[in-house]
């Protein structure tokens, strides 16, 4: 079993990626994804050491902003969804 990551097409041409990891943090996951997809991926997701305000990340349906942010630990079998923030009025 692996970690399943869902990405929007604006961030990656691959909408779903599976990585074989036991445990890691979201930030470490972003580093692994940057190596796999391209270095600019992490720049799109992280600004000044924090999650970009234009991106939401969910682990098993929970927003990491309400967990431990980039230090949120994920484990084998988890699902991570990266979603652009939607604004409007």
C-alpha atoms as a PDB file:
ATOM      1  CA  UNK A   1       0.000   0.000   0.000  1.00  0.00           C
ATOM      2  CA  UNK A   2       1.176   3.530  -0.690  1.00  0.00           C
ATOM      3  CA  UNK A   3       0.170   7.156  -0.214  1.00  0.00           C
ATOM      4  CA  UNK A   4      -2.198   8.421  -2.903  1.00  0.00           C
ATOM      5  CA  UNK A   5      -1.805  12.083  -3.909  1.00  0.00           C
ATOM      6  CA  UNK A   6      -4.405  13.898  -5.996  1.00  0.00           C
ATOM      7  CA  UNK A   7      -3.215  17.019  -7.800  1.00  0.00           C
ATOM      8  CA  UNK A   8      -5.082  19.562  -9.934  1.00  0.00           C
ATOM      9  CA  UNK A   9      -4.077  19.775 -13.599  1.00  0.00           C
ATOM     10  CA  UNK A  10      -2.905  23.369 -13.031  1.00  0.00           C
ATOM     11  CA  UNK A  11      -0.150  21.985 -10.781  1.00  0.00           C
ATOM     12  CA  UNK A  12       0.720  18.671 -12.429  1.00  0.00           C
ATOM     13  CA  UNK A  13      -0.097  16.839 -15.650  1.00  0.00           C
ATOM     14  CA  UNK A  14      -0.498  13.725 -13.493  1.00  0.00           C
ATOM     15  CA  UNK A  15      -3.760  14.047 -11.560  1.00  0.00           C
ATOM     16  CA  UNK A  16      -3.087  11.086  -9.303  1.00  0.00           C
ATOM     17  CA  UNK A  17       0.272   9.854  -8.063  1.00  0.00           C
ATOM     18  CA  UNK A  18       1.077   7.040  -5.678  1.00  0.00           C
ATOM     19  CA  UNK A  19       4.284   7.069  -3.650  1.00  0.00           C
ATOM     20  CA  UNK A  20       5.546   4.184  -1.557  1.00  0.00           C
ATOM     21  CA  UNK A  21       6.311   5.747   1.831  1.00  0.00           C
ATOM     22  CA  UNK A  22       5.895   4.447   5.379  1.00  0.00           C
ATOM     23  CA  UNK A  23       5.581   7.838   7.085  1.00  0.00           C
ATOM     24  CA  UNK A  24       6.619  11.380   6.232  1.00  0.00           C
ATOM     25  CA  UNK A  25       5.470  14.953   6.704  1.00  0.00           C
ATOM     26  CA  UNK A  26       3.574  16.932   4.090  1.00  0.00           C
ATOM     27  CA  UNK A  27       6.704  19.022   3.502  1.00  0.00           C
ATOM     28  CA  UNK A  28       8.773  15.877   2.902  1.00  0.00           C
ATOM     29  CA  UNK A  29       6.046  14.623   0.564  1.00  0.00           C
ATOM     30  CA  UNK A  30       6.237  17.907  -1.381  1.00  0.00           C
ATOM     31  CA  UNK A  31      10.019  17.403  -1.679  1.00  0.00           C
ATOM     32  CA  UNK A  32       9.474  13.880  -3.072  1.00  0.00           C
ATOM     33  CA  UNK A  33       6.827  15.142  -5.497  1.00  0.00           C
ATOM     34  CA  UNK A  34       9.141  17.960  -6.629  1.00  0.00           C
ATOM     35  CA  UNK A  35      11.821  15.401  -7.455  1.00  0.00           C
ATOM     36  CA  UNK A  36       9.299  13.297  -9.385  1.00  0.00           C
ATOM     37  CA  UNK A  37       7.381  16.066 -11.187  1.00  0.00           C
ATOM     38  CA  UNK A  38       9.700  19.059 -11.196  1.00  0.00           C
ATOM     39  CA  UNK A  39      11.336  21.463  -8.772  1.00  0.00           C
ATOM     40  CA  UNK A  40       8.859  24.276  -9.387  1.00  0.00           C
ATOM     41  CA  UNK A  41       6.097  22.175  -7.795  1.00  0.00           C
ATOM     42  CA  UNK A  42       7.185  22.997  -4.245  1.00  0.00           C
ATOM     43  CA  UNK A  43       7.438  26.704  -5.162  1.00  0.00           C
ATOM     44  CA  UNK A  44       3.775  26.581  -6.194  1.00  0.00           C
ATOM     45  CA  UNK A  45       2.742  24.967  -2.916  1.00  0.00           C
ATOM     46  CA  UNK A  46       4.989  26.601  -0.296  1.00  0.00           C
ATOM     47  CA  UNK A  47       5.620  30.339   0.181  1.00  0.00           C
ATOM     48  CA  UNK A  48       8.068  31.615   2.819  1.00  0.00           C
ATOM     49  CA  UNK A  49       8.113  28.266   4.603  1.00  0.00           C
ATOM     50  CA  UNK A  50       4.311  28.078   4.887  1.00  0.00           C
ATOM     51  CA  UNK A  51       1.587  26.526   2.779  1.00  0.00           C
ATOM     52  CA  UNK A  52       0.619  28.960   0.023  1.00  0.00           C
ATOM     53  CA  UNK A  53      -2.611  30.830   0.853  1.00  0.00           C
ATOM     54  CA  UNK A  54      -3.864  29.844  -2.615  1.00  0.00           C
ATOM     55  CA  UNK A  55      -3.577  26.112  -1.923  1.00  0.00           C
ATOM     56  CA  UNK A  56      -5.479  23.791   0.395  1.00  0.00           C
ATOM     57  CA  UNK A  57      -4.160  20.361   1.308  1.00  0.00           C
ATOM     58  CA  UNK A  58      -6.337  17.648   2.784  1.00  0.00           C
ATOM     59  CA  UNK A  59      -5.184  14.400   4.405  1.00  0.00           C
ATOM     60  CA  UNK A  60      -8.018  11.887   4.488  1.00  0.00           C
ATOM     61  CA  UNK A  61     -10.452  14.792   4.135  1.00  0.00           C
ATOM     62  CA  UNK A  62      -8.955  16.978   6.901  1.00  0.00           C
ATOM     63  CA  UNK A  63      -7.423  20.348   6.054  1.00  0.00           C
ATOM     64  CA  UNK A  64      -3.768  20.412   7.180  1.00  0.00           C
ATOM     65  CA  UNK A  65      -4.201  24.042   8.266  1.00  0.00           C
ATOM     66  CA  UNK A  66      -6.197  22.633  11.210  1.00  0.00           C
ATOM     67  CA  UNK A  67      -3.686  19.871  11.854  1.00  0.00           C
ATOM     68  CA  UNK A  68       0.075  20.514  11.946  1.00  0.00           C
ATOM     69  CA  UNK A  69       0.386  22.351   8.631  1.00  0.00           C
ATOM     70  CA  UNK A  70       3.434  21.265   6.628  1.00  0.00           C
ATOM     71  CA  UNK A  71       4.527  19.167   9.625  1.00  0.00           C
ATOM     72  CA  UNK A  72       1.382  17.005   9.395  1.00  0.00           C
ATOM     73  CA  UNK A  73       2.466  13.357   9.354  1.00  0.00           C
ATOM     74  CA  UNK A  74       1.071  11.047   6.710  1.00  0.00           C
ATOM     75  CA  UNK A  75       1.242   7.276   6.689  1.00  0.00           C
ATOM     76  CA  UNK A  76       0.959   4.471   4.210  1.00  0.00           C
ATOM     77  CA  UNK A  77      -2.655   4.207   3.058  1.00  0.00           C
ATOM     78  CA  UNK A  78      -3.452   7.925   3.486  1.00  0.00           C
ATOM     79  CA  UNK A  79      -4.955  10.034   0.715  1.00  0.00           C
ATOM     80  CA  UNK A  80      -3.632  13.543   0.160  1.00  0.00           C
ATOM     81  CA  UNK A  81      -5.547  16.024  -1.987  1.00  0.00           C
ATOM     82  CA  UNK A  82      -4.007  19.287  -3.164  1.00  0.00           C
ATOM     83  CA  UNK A  83      -6.736  21.750  -4.108  1.00  0.00           C
ATOM     84  CA  UNK A  84      -6.465  25.345  -5.344  1.00  0.00           C
ATOM     85  CA  UNK A  85      -8.293  27.732  -3.012  1.00  0.00           C
ATOM     86  CA  UNK A  86     -11.458  29.150  -4.506  1.00  0.00           C
ATOM     87  CA  UNK A  87     -12.451  32.744  -3.897  1.00  0.00           C
ATOM     88  CA  UNK A  88     -15.307  34.752  -5.167  1.00  0.00           C
ATOM     89  CA  UNK A  89     -17.931  37.145  -4.191  1.00  0.00           C
END
